[in-house]
Amino acid sequence: MIGALHCECYIYEARSLKEKRAVVKSVTTRVKQKLNAAAAEMDHHDLWQRTALTIVSVNRDRVVVEQELQKAIDMIDARPELERTITEMEWL
């Protein structure tokens, strides 16, 4: 089972693309290190206060994938500099 989590986020404190990229890199690196998942910025590359992240997890058990993606949501929500605005989950 493949689960994909698509999150659009607003980055409050970003005053430049450099600051935005630091936040995005921190989130994606943490997801990759702590979870059985891949993460990348997929949209809004040139906007300094918005990002669209996609996190993907693969496992033969759908419950395990759901748990990993929920942990990713929790990690994003725990970041005070980010606000998750739109979230979609897709099953492949």
N, C-alpha and C. Protein backbone atom coordinates (compact mmCIF):
# COMPACT_ATOMS: atom_id res chain seq x y z
N MET A 1 0.85 -1.17 0.00
CA MET A 1 0.00 0.00 0.00
C MET A 1 0.90 1.24 0.00
N ILE A 2 0.55 2.18 -0.82
CA ILE A 2 1.29 3.44 -0.91
C ILE A 2 0.34 4.56 -0.47
N GLY A 3 0.78 5.34 0.49
CA GLY A 3 0.01 6.49 0.95
C GLY A 3 0.79 7.77 0.70
N ALA A 4 0.09 8.75 0.16
CA ALA A 4 0.72 10.05 -0.10
C ALA A 4 -0.06 11.13 0.65
N LEU A 5 0.67 11.93 1.38
CA LEU A 5 0.10 13.03 2.15
C LEU A 5 0.54 14.34 1.49
N HIS A 6 -0.42 15.16 1.09
CA HIS A 6 -0.12 16.44 0.47
C HIS A 6 -0.56 17.54 1.44
N CYS A 7 0.39 18.39 1.86
CA CYS A 7 0.10 19.46 2.82
C CYS A 7 0.55 20.80 2.24
N GLU A 8 -0.35 21.75 2.25
CA GLU A 8 0.04 23.12 1.96
C GLU A 8 0.22 23.80 3.30
N CYS A 9 1.28 24.58 3.40
CA CYS A 9 1.61 25.23 4.67
C CYS A 9 1.95 26.70 4.45
N TYR A 10 1.67 27.47 5.47
CA TYR A 10 2.04 28.88 5.52
C TYR A 10 3.18 29.01 6.51
N ILE A 11 4.25 29.69 6.12
CA ILE A 11 5.42 29.86 6.98
C ILE A 11 5.43 31.29 7.49
N TYR A 12 5.12 31.48 8.75
CA TYR A 12 4.92 32.81 9.31
C TYR A 12 6.16 33.70 9.28
N GLU A 13 7.26 33.18 9.74
CA GLU A 13 8.44 34.02 9.98
C GLU A 13 9.36 34.18 8.78
N ALA A 14 9.06 33.52 7.67
CA ALA A 14 9.94 33.60 6.51
C ALA A 14 9.91 34.99 5.90
N ARG A 15 11.07 35.59 5.77
CA ARG A 15 11.19 36.92 5.18
C ARG A 15 11.93 36.86 3.84
N SER A 16 12.37 35.63 3.48
CA SER A 16 13.08 35.45 2.22
C SER A 16 12.98 33.98 1.82
N LEU A 17 13.35 33.69 0.58
CA LEU A 17 13.37 32.31 0.12
C LEU A 17 14.38 31.48 0.91
N LYS A 18 15.47 32.12 1.30
CA LYS A 18 16.50 31.42 2.08
C LYS A 18 15.94 30.95 3.42
N GLU A 19 15.19 31.80 4.10
CA GLU A 19 14.58 31.42 5.37
C GLU A 19 13.53 30.33 5.17
N LYS A 20 12.75 30.45 4.10
CA LYS A 20 11.74 29.44 3.79
C LYS A 20 12.41 28.09 3.55
N ARG A 21 13.46 28.07 2.75
CA ARG A 21 14.14 26.82 2.43
C ARG A 21 14.73 26.17 3.68
N ALA A 22 15.18 26.96 4.63
CA ALA A 22 15.71 26.41 5.88
C ALA A 22 14.61 25.67 6.64
N VAL A 23 13.42 26.24 6.69
CA VAL A 23 12.30 25.61 7.38
C VAL A 23 11.88 24.34 6.66
N VAL A 24 11.74 24.43 5.34
CA VAL A 24 11.32 23.27 4.55
C VAL A 24 12.34 22.14 4.67
N LYS A 25 13.60 22.48 4.58
CA LYS A 25 14.65 21.45 4.70
C LYS A 25 14.61 20.79 6.07
N SER A 26 14.41 21.58 7.11
CA SER A 26 14.33 21.04 8.46
C SER A 26 13.17 20.05 8.59
N VAL A 27 12.02 20.40 8.06
CA VAL A 27 10.85 19.52 8.15
C VAL A 27 11.07 18.24 7.35
N THR A 28 11.50 18.38 6.10
CA THR A 28 11.67 17.19 5.26
C THR A 28 12.76 16.27 5.78
N THR A 29 13.84 16.84 6.29
CA THR A 29 14.92 16.02 6.84
C THR A 29 14.45 15.26 8.07
N ARG A 30 13.71 15.93 8.93
CA ARG A 30 13.22 15.28 10.15
C ARG A 30 12.25 14.14 9.81
N VAL A 31 11.36 14.36 8.85
CA VAL A 31 10.42 13.31 8.44
C VAL A 31 11.19 12.10 7.91
N LYS A 32 12.18 12.36 7.07
CA LYS A 32 12.96 11.26 6.48
C LYS A 32 13.73 10.48 7.54
N GLN A 33 14.26 11.18 8.54
CA GLN A 33 15.06 10.52 9.57
C GLN A 33 14.21 9.76 10.59
N LYS A 34 13.06 10.31 10.95
CA LYS A 34 12.27 9.74 12.05
C LYS A 34 11.21 8.74 11.59
N LEU A 35 10.78 8.84 10.34
CA LEU A 35 9.69 8.00 9.86
C LEU A 35 10.12 7.16 8.67
N ASN A 36 9.34 6.15 8.37
CA ASN A 36 9.56 5.34 7.18
C ASN A 36 8.83 6.02 6.02
N ALA A 37 9.38 7.18 5.61
CA ALA A 37 8.69 8.00 4.61
C ALA A 37 9.68 8.84 3.82
N ALA A 38 9.24 9.26 2.65
CA ALA A 38 9.99 10.21 1.83
C ALA A 38 9.24 11.53 1.85
N ALA A 39 9.97 12.64 1.76
CA ALA A 39 9.33 13.96 1.82
C ALA A 39 10.02 14.91 0.86
N ALA A 40 9.21 15.79 0.24
CA ALA A 40 9.76 16.78 -0.68
C ALA A 40 8.81 17.96 -0.81
N GLU A 41 9.38 19.11 -1.16
CA GLU A 41 8.56 20.27 -1.49
C GLU A 41 8.12 20.12 -2.94
N MET A 42 6.82 20.23 -3.19
CA MET A 42 6.30 19.96 -4.53
C MET A 42 5.78 21.19 -5.26
N ASP A 43 5.54 22.28 -4.56
CA ASP A 43 4.97 23.45 -5.22
C ASP A 43 5.31 24.71 -4.42
N HIS A 44 5.03 25.85 -5.01
CA HIS A 44 5.27 27.17 -4.40
C HIS A 44 6.76 27.41 -4.13
N HIS A 45 7.60 26.97 -5.04
CA HIS A 45 9.05 27.09 -4.86
C HIS A 45 9.52 28.55 -4.78
N ASP A 46 8.84 29.44 -5.45
CA ASP A 46 9.28 30.83 -5.50
C ASP A 46 8.49 31.76 -4.58
N LEU A 47 7.61 31.21 -3.77
CA LEU A 47 6.86 32.02 -2.80
C LEU A 47 7.49 31.82 -1.43
N TRP A 48 7.85 32.89 -0.77
CA TRP A 48 8.63 32.76 0.46
C TRP A 48 7.82 32.49 1.72
N GLN A 49 6.49 32.55 1.67
CA GLN A 49 5.71 32.21 2.86
C GLN A 49 4.76 31.04 2.65
N ARG A 50 4.86 30.36 1.51
CA ARG A 50 4.00 29.20 1.26
C ARG A 50 4.85 28.03 0.77
N THR A 51 4.38 26.84 1.10
CA THR A 51 5.02 25.64 0.59
C THR A 51 3.98 24.54 0.45
N ALA A 52 4.24 23.60 -0.41
CA ALA A 52 3.41 22.41 -0.57
C ALA A 52 4.33 21.21 -0.41
N LEU A 53 4.10 20.46 0.64
CA LEU A 53 4.93 19.29 0.94
C LEU A 53 4.17 18.02 0.60
N THR A 54 4.88 17.05 0.08
CA THR A 54 4.32 15.72 -0.14
C THR A 54 5.17 14.72 0.62
N ILE A 55 4.49 13.88 1.38
CA ILE A 55 5.15 12.84 2.17
C ILE A 55 4.54 11.51 1.75
N VAL A 56 5.40 10.55 1.44
CA VAL A 56 4.95 9.26 0.92
C VAL A 56 5.51 8.14 1.80
N SER A 57 4.63 7.19 2.12
CA SER A 57 5.05 6.01 2.89
C SER A 57 4.54 4.77 2.17
N VAL A 58 5.34 3.70 2.24
CA VAL A 58 5.01 2.44 1.57
C VAL A 58 5.13 1.31 2.58
N ASN A 59 4.10 0.46 2.62
CA ASN A 59 4.12 -0.73 3.46
C ASN A 59 3.03 -1.65 2.96
N ARG A 60 3.14 -2.93 3.24
CA ARG A 60 2.09 -3.84 2.79
C ARG A 60 0.82 -3.71 3.62
N ASP A 61 0.94 -3.09 4.79
CA ASP A 61 -0.19 -2.92 5.70
C ASP A 61 -0.65 -1.46 5.69
N ARG A 62 -1.90 -1.23 5.31
CA ARG A 62 -2.43 0.13 5.22
C ARG A 62 -2.42 0.84 6.58
N VAL A 63 -2.65 0.11 7.64
CA VAL A 63 -2.67 0.70 8.99
C VAL A 63 -1.31 1.30 9.32
N VAL A 64 -0.25 0.61 8.98
CA VAL A 64 1.10 1.12 9.24
C VAL A 64 1.34 2.40 8.45
N VAL A 65 0.92 2.43 7.20
CA VAL A 65 1.07 3.63 6.37
C VAL A 65 0.29 4.79 6.98
N GLU A 66 -0.95 4.53 7.38
CA GLU A 66 -1.77 5.58 8.01
C GLU A 66 -1.11 6.12 9.27
N GLN A 67 -0.52 5.25 10.07
CA GLN A 67 0.15 5.68 11.30
C GLN A 67 1.36 6.56 10.97
N GLU A 68 2.13 6.18 9.98
CA GLU A 68 3.31 6.96 9.60
C GLU A 68 2.90 8.34 9.09
N LEU A 69 1.86 8.39 8.27
CA LEU A 69 1.42 9.68 7.74
C LEU A 69 0.81 10.55 8.84
N GLN A 70 0.14 9.94 9.80
CA GLN A 70 -0.39 10.71 10.93
C GLN A 70 0.75 11.27 11.77
N LYS A 71 1.80 10.50 11.95
CA LYS A 71 2.98 11.00 12.67
C LYS A 71 3.60 12.18 11.92
N ALA A 72 3.61 12.12 10.60
CA ALA A 72 4.13 13.23 9.81
C ALA A 72 3.28 14.48 10.01
N ILE A 73 1.97 14.31 10.02
CA ILE A 73 1.07 15.45 10.29
C ILE A 73 1.37 16.03 11.67
N ASP A 74 1.53 15.16 12.65
CA ASP A 74 1.83 15.62 14.01
C ASP A 74 3.15 16.38 14.06
N MET A 75 4.16 15.92 13.31
CA MET A 75 5.46 16.61 13.27
C MET A 75 5.31 18.00 12.66
N ILE A 76 4.53 18.10 11.60
CA ILE A 76 4.32 19.40 10.95
C ILE A 76 3.56 20.33 11.90
N ASP A 77 2.51 19.79 12.52
CA ASP A 77 1.70 20.61 13.44
C ASP A 77 2.48 21.06 14.67
N ALA A 78 3.51 20.32 15.04
CA ALA A 78 4.31 20.68 16.21
C ALA A 78 5.27 21.84 15.93
N ARG A 79 5.45 22.18 14.68
CA ARG A 79 6.36 23.27 14.30
C ARG A 79 5.64 24.61 14.46
N PRO A 80 6.11 25.49 15.34
CA PRO A 80 5.41 26.76 15.56
C PRO A 80 5.51 27.72 14.38
N GLU A 81 6.52 27.56 13.52
CA GLU A 81 6.69 28.48 12.39
C GLU A 81 5.84 28.10 11.18
N LEU A 82 5.16 26.95 11.24
CA LEU A 82 4.32 26.48 10.13
C LEU A 82 2.86 26.40 10.54
N GLU A 83 1.98 26.69 9.59
CA GLU A 83 0.56 26.40 9.77
C GLU A 83 0.12 25.57 8.58
N ARG A 84 -0.39 24.39 8.87
CA ARG A 84 -0.91 23.52 7.81
C ARG A 84 -2.28 24.03 7.42
N THR A 85 -2.46 24.36 6.13
CA THR A 85 -3.73 24.95 5.69
C THR A 85 -4.60 23.98 4.93
N ILE A 86 -4.04 23.20 4.04
CA ILE A 86 -4.79 22.22 3.25
C ILE A 86 -4.06 20.89 3.35
N THR A 87 -4.81 19.84 3.65
CA THR A 87 -4.22 18.51 3.77
C THR A 87 -5.07 17.50 3.01
N GLU A 88 -4.41 16.73 2.16
CA GLU A 88 -5.10 15.67 1.41
C GLU A 88 -4.29 14.39 1.52
N MET A 89 -4.99 13.27 1.66
CA MET A 89 -4.32 11.97 1.70
C MET A 89 -4.80 11.17 0.49
N GLU A 90 -3.84 10.51 -0.15
CA GLU A 90 -4.15 9.76 -1.37
C GLU A 90 -3.58 8.35 -1.23
N TRP A 91 -4.34 7.40 -1.72
CA TRP A 91 -3.91 5.99 -1.67
C TRP A 91 -3.67 5.49 -3.07
N LEU A 92 -2.53 4.87 -3.27
CA LEU A 92 -2.15 4.37 -4.59
C LEU A 92 -1.99 2.87 -4.56
